[in-house]
Amino acid sequence: MRSKTRKPGKKKRKVAYRRGEKAVIFFRRGTVVLLAIVIVTASVLGVKALTYQFSINDIKVIGNYHLEHKDVIRSVKIEKGEPLLKISLKDIEERLVQNAWIKGASIKKQLPDTLLIRIVEAEPMALLSLKKRLYLMDGEGELLERLEGNGVPFLPVIKNINPKKKKDMTEALKLVGALNDKNIIANRESIEIGVEPYGLRMNLDGELIKVGYGNYSDKFDRWLALEPEIRKKGLPIKYVDLRFKDSVIIKPLDKVKGKSS
């Protein structure tokens, strides 16, 4: 049998064709990769250009009743002219809540040039008098700020109770809450709350009331029901004791104008 012999020219043409085909494929792939690089580069440059195109021109603050606008801006640590799209809203929120007055915050970017800040402020509940200094305090026992000068107290004063003593401070704030609920604070000129070995005591317009711990609402209900009659009789009182269940103990002054009371 004869063996078929291949012509050398034909083989060379096939090899050349395959090489050309590989070159075309390589060229196509290279073109695709290059095109992708160009697109990505253009996108990055476009985003950067867009980022710096929108700069902060206005910072609006909503929800500030105790804090001034400049105080909030100072906590944000952002100035006008910074790129609006580049700033981190999470970072701004974290800076804001470091201010004791700010309990929560939400921030929005409003194109083209506005940063909107909405805050939730702490509510002052009492004054803390400690080591001859006066502080505003919220309902959670957080110190909001130190008050300067000798202004007239406009809230109940918690006197000489260290905030680190959690039990006493928590109970004192519960007592303030009960005074608010019973609308007692609005009708009094001064309220001072302190702690004794037996529990909390309260000085109400110069009148001593031994309160103890717990059940403050019930204790005030009993006292408020009896107080008008005491006032009507004009009985001078040394102290009122509300520590005992279902009872109001009234201790009159030992002597009134030289006579036994």
Protein backbone atom coordinates (compact mmCIF):
# COMPACT_ATOMS: atom_id res chain seq x y z
CA MET A 1 0.00 0.00 0.00
CA ARG A 2 1.09 3.53 -0.73
CA SER A 3 1.45 5.92 2.10
CA LYS A 4 -0.01 9.37 1.56
CA THR A 5 2.54 12.10 1.76
CA ARG A 6 1.59 15.66 2.79
CA LYS A 7 2.86 18.57 0.86
CA PRO A 8 5.20 20.82 2.86
CA GLY A 9 3.54 24.01 1.63
CA LYS A 10 0.14 23.04 2.90
CA LYS A 11 1.47 22.31 6.39
CA LYS A 12 3.21 25.66 6.54
CA ARG A 13 0.04 27.44 5.52
CA LYS A 14 -1.92 25.77 8.36
CA VAL A 15 0.72 26.71 10.95
CA ALA A 16 0.74 30.28 9.70
CA TYR A 17 -3.05 30.38 9.82
CA ARG A 18 -3.10 29.16 13.41
CA ARG A 19 -0.50 31.71 14.42
CA GLY A 20 -2.51 34.45 12.78
CA GLU A 21 -5.67 33.26 14.50
CA LYS A 22 -3.92 33.32 17.89
CA ALA A 23 -2.61 36.79 17.17
CA VAL A 24 -6.12 38.00 16.34
CA ILE A 25 -7.52 36.45 19.53
CA PHE A 26 -4.71 37.95 21.58
CA PHE A 27 -5.26 41.33 19.94
CA ARG A 28 -9.00 41.18 20.65
CA ARG A 29 -8.46 40.23 24.27
CA GLY A 30 -5.88 42.95 24.68
CA THR A 31 -8.28 45.45 23.19
CA VAL A 32 -11.04 44.40 25.60
CA VAL A 33 -8.69 44.66 28.58
CA LEU A 34 -7.41 48.04 27.43
CA LEU A 35 -10.95 49.27 26.87
CA ALA A 36 -11.91 48.08 30.39
CA ILE A 37 -8.92 49.91 31.87
CA VAL A 38 -9.88 53.08 30.01
CA ILE A 39 -13.50 52.84 31.21
CA VAL A 40 -12.47 52.24 34.84
CA THR A 41 -9.95 55.07 34.72
CA ALA A 42 -12.49 57.42 33.22
CA SER A 43 -15.05 56.40 35.83
CA VAL A 44 -12.62 57.02 38.70
CA LEU A 45 -11.61 60.38 37.31
CA GLY A 46 -15.27 61.22 36.70
CA VAL A 47 -16.25 60.30 40.25
CA LYS A 48 -13.37 62.35 41.64
CA ALA A 49 -14.35 65.31 39.50
CA LEU A 50 -17.98 64.92 40.58
CA THR A 51 -16.95 64.58 44.22
CA TYR A 52 -15.15 67.90 44.23
CA GLN A 53 -17.79 69.59 42.13
CA PHE A 54 -20.37 69.51 44.99
CA SER A 55 -18.89 71.37 47.97
CA ILE A 56 -20.67 72.24 51.21
CA ASN A 57 -22.10 75.74 51.14
CA ASP A 58 -24.82 75.45 53.80
CA ILE A 59 -25.12 73.42 57.03
CA LYS A 60 -28.67 73.30 58.42
CA VAL A 61 -29.41 72.17 61.98
CA ILE A 62 -32.87 71.03 63.15
CA GLY A 63 -33.97 70.07 66.67
CA ASN A 64 -31.62 72.28 68.66
CA TYR A 65 -33.49 74.08 71.44
CA HIS A 66 -30.82 74.27 74.13
CA LEU A 67 -27.74 74.16 71.91
CA GLU A 68 -26.88 77.02 69.62
CA HIS A 69 -26.30 76.41 65.92
CA LYS A 70 -22.59 77.15 66.27
CA ASP A 71 -22.27 74.60 69.10
CA VAL A 72 -23.61 71.83 66.85
CA ILE A 73 -21.34 72.88 63.97
CA ARG A 74 -18.38 72.85 66.34
CA SER A 75 -19.20 69.24 67.31
CA VAL A 76 -19.47 68.23 63.64
CA LYS A 77 -15.95 69.51 62.88
CA ILE A 78 -16.79 70.25 59.24
CA GLU A 79 -16.36 73.53 57.45
CA LYS A 80 -17.97 75.03 54.40
CA GLY A 81 -16.17 74.26 51.16
CA GLU A 82 -15.46 70.61 51.94
CA PRO A 83 -16.61 68.04 49.32
CA LEU A 84 -20.20 67.06 50.13
CA LEU A 85 -20.00 63.60 48.57
CA LYS A 86 -16.72 62.74 50.28
CA ILE A 87 -17.71 63.20 53.93
CA SER A 88 -18.77 60.21 56.06
CA LEU A 89 -22.21 60.51 57.66
CA LYS A 90 -21.31 57.84 60.21
CA ASP A 91 -18.25 59.79 61.35
CA ILE A 92 -20.34 62.95 61.75
CA GLU A 93 -22.95 61.11 63.83
CA GLU A 94 -20.26 59.67 66.10
CA ARG A 95 -18.81 63.14 66.67
CA LEU A 96 -22.22 64.61 67.46
CA VAL A 97 -23.23 62.07 70.12
CA GLN A 98 -19.99 62.77 71.98
CA ASN A 99 -21.71 66.00 73.03
CA ALA A 100 -23.63 65.24 76.25
CA TRP A 101 -26.53 67.40 75.04
CA ILE A 102 -27.06 65.29 71.91
CA LYS A 103 -28.77 61.92 72.41
CA GLY A 104 -29.21 61.07 68.75
CA ALA A 105 -28.60 62.48 65.29
CA SER A 106 -29.44 61.84 61.64
CA ILE A 107 -27.53 63.46 58.78
CA LYS A 108 -28.45 63.83 55.11
CA LYS A 109 -26.66 65.18 52.06
CA GLN A 110 -28.83 67.44 49.95
CA LEU A 111 -27.39 68.16 46.53
CA PRO A 112 -25.93 70.37 45.37
CA ASP A 113 -24.41 71.97 48.46
CA THR A 114 -26.32 71.38 51.71
CA LEU A 115 -25.68 69.19 54.76
CA LEU A 116 -28.81 68.65 56.87
CA ILE A 117 -28.33 67.71 60.54
CA ARG A 118 -31.29 66.67 62.69
CA ILE A 119 -30.52 66.17 66.39
CA VAL A 120 -32.39 64.88 69.43
CA GLU A 121 -31.39 66.83 72.52
CA ALA A 122 -31.24 65.65 76.10
CA GLU A 123 -33.83 67.16 78.44
CA PRO A 124 -32.56 68.76 81.66
CA MET A 125 -34.34 67.13 84.58
CA ALA A 126 -32.52 68.36 87.65
CA LEU A 127 -29.58 70.35 88.95
CA LEU A 128 -26.73 68.61 90.72
CA SER A 129 -25.00 70.57 93.47
CA LEU A 130 -21.67 68.89 94.18
CA LYS A 131 -18.54 70.34 95.78
CA LYS A 132 -19.87 73.89 95.48
CA ARG A 133 -20.47 73.44 91.75
CA LEU A 134 -23.78 73.32 89.93
CA TYR A 135 -24.46 71.06 86.93
CA LEU A 136 -27.39 70.45 84.61
CA MET A 137 -28.37 66.78 84.61
CA ASP A 138 -30.68 64.73 82.39
CA GLY A 139 -33.02 61.90 83.37
CA GLU A 140 -30.30 59.29 82.95
CA GLY A 141 -27.92 60.98 85.36
CA GLU A 142 -25.64 62.37 82.64
CA LEU A 143 -24.08 65.76 83.36
CA LEU A 144 -24.92 68.13 80.51
CA GLU A 145 -22.93 71.19 81.49
CA ARG A 146 -21.65 73.17 84.42
CA LEU A 147 -23.57 76.32 85.31
CA GLU A 148 -21.63 79.43 86.15
CA GLY A 149 -22.70 82.16 88.57
CA ASN A 150 -25.30 82.14 91.32
CA GLY A 151 -28.51 81.96 89.34
CA VAL A 152 -31.83 81.02 90.93
CA PRO A 153 -32.40 77.23 90.60
CA PHE A 154 -35.15 76.55 88.07
CA LEU A 155 -35.18 72.78 88.58
CA PRO A 156 -35.07 70.48 91.62
CA VAL A 157 -31.59 70.46 93.12
CA ILE A 158 -29.97 67.13 93.95
CA LYS A 159 -27.46 68.02 96.60
CA ASN A 160 -24.19 66.24 97.41
CA ILE A 161 -25.10 62.89 95.83
CA ASN A 162 -22.15 61.56 93.86
CA PRO A 163 -23.24 60.39 90.37
CA LYS A 164 -20.99 57.35 90.85
CA LYS A 165 -23.34 56.14 93.59
CA LYS A 166 -25.80 54.70 91.11
CA LYS A 167 -28.49 53.62 93.57
CA ASP A 168 -28.85 56.96 95.32
CA MET A 169 -28.72 58.92 92.04
CA THR A 170 -31.22 56.64 90.33
CA GLU A 171 -33.65 56.94 93.23
CA ALA A 172 -33.21 60.72 93.36
CA LEU A 173 -34.08 60.99 89.67
CA LYS A 174 -37.12 58.74 90.18
CA LEU A 175 -38.21 61.12 92.94
CA VAL A 176 -37.85 64.07 90.56
CA GLY A 177 -39.91 62.16 88.00
CA ALA A 178 -42.71 61.64 90.54
CA LEU A 179 -42.62 65.36 91.43
CA ASN A 180 -43.07 66.16 87.75
CA ASP A 181 -45.92 63.69 87.35
CA LYS A 182 -47.77 65.20 90.31
CA ASN A 183 -47.11 68.75 89.03
CA ILE A 184 -45.50 69.63 92.34
CA ILE A 185 -42.45 71.30 90.81
CA ALA A 186 -44.47 73.94 88.97
CA ASN A 187 -46.05 75.21 92.19
CA ARG A 188 -42.91 75.42 94.33
CA GLU A 189 -40.11 77.95 94.50
CA SER A 190 -37.35 75.60 95.63
CA ILE A 191 -36.91 71.84 95.91
CA GLU A 192 -33.77 70.26 97.31
CA ILE A 193 -33.16 66.51 97.42
CA GLY A 194 -30.51 64.82 99.53
CA VAL A 195 -29.73 61.45 101.05
CA GLU A 196 -29.64 60.34 104.69
CA PRO A 197 -28.96 56.96 106.30
CA TYR A 198 -32.72 56.26 106.20
CA GLY A 199 -33.03 57.15 102.50
CA LEU A 200 -33.97 60.26 100.53
CA ARG A 201 -35.09 63.48 102.14
CA MET A 202 -36.56 66.52 100.47
CA ASN A 203 -36.68 70.16 101.42
CA LEU A 204 -39.81 71.64 99.86
CA ASP A 205 -39.93 75.43 100.17
CA GLY A 206 -38.10 75.13 103.47
CA GLU A 207 -40.19 72.21 104.76
CA LEU A 208 -38.41 68.92 105.48
CA ILE A 209 -40.01 65.75 104.13
CA LYS A 210 -38.51 62.36 104.88
CA VAL A 211 -39.22 60.27 101.78
CA GLY A 212 -37.11 57.12 102.07
CA TYR A 213 -36.88 54.87 99.01
CA GLY A 214 -39.51 53.77 96.51
CA ASN A 215 -43.29 54.18 95.97
CA TYR A 216 -42.87 57.93 95.49
CA SER A 217 -46.14 58.43 93.64
CA ASP A 218 -48.21 56.80 96.41
CA LYS A 219 -46.36 58.73 99.09
CA PHE A 220 -47.06 62.06 97.40
CA ASP A 221 -50.71 61.17 96.91
CA ARG A 222 -51.10 60.67 100.67
CA TRP A 223 -49.24 63.90 101.41
CA LEU A 224 -51.14 66.00 98.87
CA ALA A 225 -54.47 64.76 100.25
CA LEU A 226 -53.52 65.90 103.75
CA GLU A 227 -51.51 69.05 103.03
CA PRO A 228 -54.47 71.47 102.46
CA GLU A 229 -55.88 70.66 105.89
CA ILE A 230 -52.49 71.23 107.53
CA ARG A 231 -52.14 74.56 105.76
CA LYS A 232 -55.65 75.54 106.76
CA LYS A 233 -54.88 74.97 110.44
CA GLY A 234 -51.62 76.88 110.14
CA LEU A 235 -49.77 74.18 112.03
CA PRO A 236 -45.99 74.83 112.06
CA ILE A 237 -44.27 71.62 110.98
CA LYS A 238 -40.82 70.36 111.89
CA TYR A 239 -40.96 67.57 109.30
CA VAL A 240 -43.28 65.24 107.43
CA ASP A 241 -42.43 61.52 107.32
CA LEU A 242 -43.69 59.49 104.35
CA ARG A 243 -41.52 56.43 104.84
CA PHE A 244 -44.18 54.21 106.39
CA LYS A 245 -46.81 52.40 104.36
CA ASP A 246 -50.27 54.00 104.22
CA SER A 247 -49.22 56.64 106.74
CA VAL A 248 -48.28 60.31 106.91
CA ILE A 249 -46.47 61.24 110.08
CA ILE A 250 -46.35 64.94 110.89
CA LYS A 251 -43.94 66.21 113.51
CA PRO A 252 -44.96 69.70 114.76
CA LEU A 253 -42.42 72.18 116.05
CA ASP A 254 -41.66 71.62 119.75
CA LYS A 255 -42.53 75.18 120.68
CA VAL A 256 -44.48 77.94 118.99
CA LYS A 257 -44.04 81.40 120.48
CA GLY A 258 -42.96 80.00 123.81
CA LYS A 259 -45.81 77.48 124.07
CA SER A 260 -45.92 73.80 123.44
CA SER A 261 -47.42 72.94 120.07
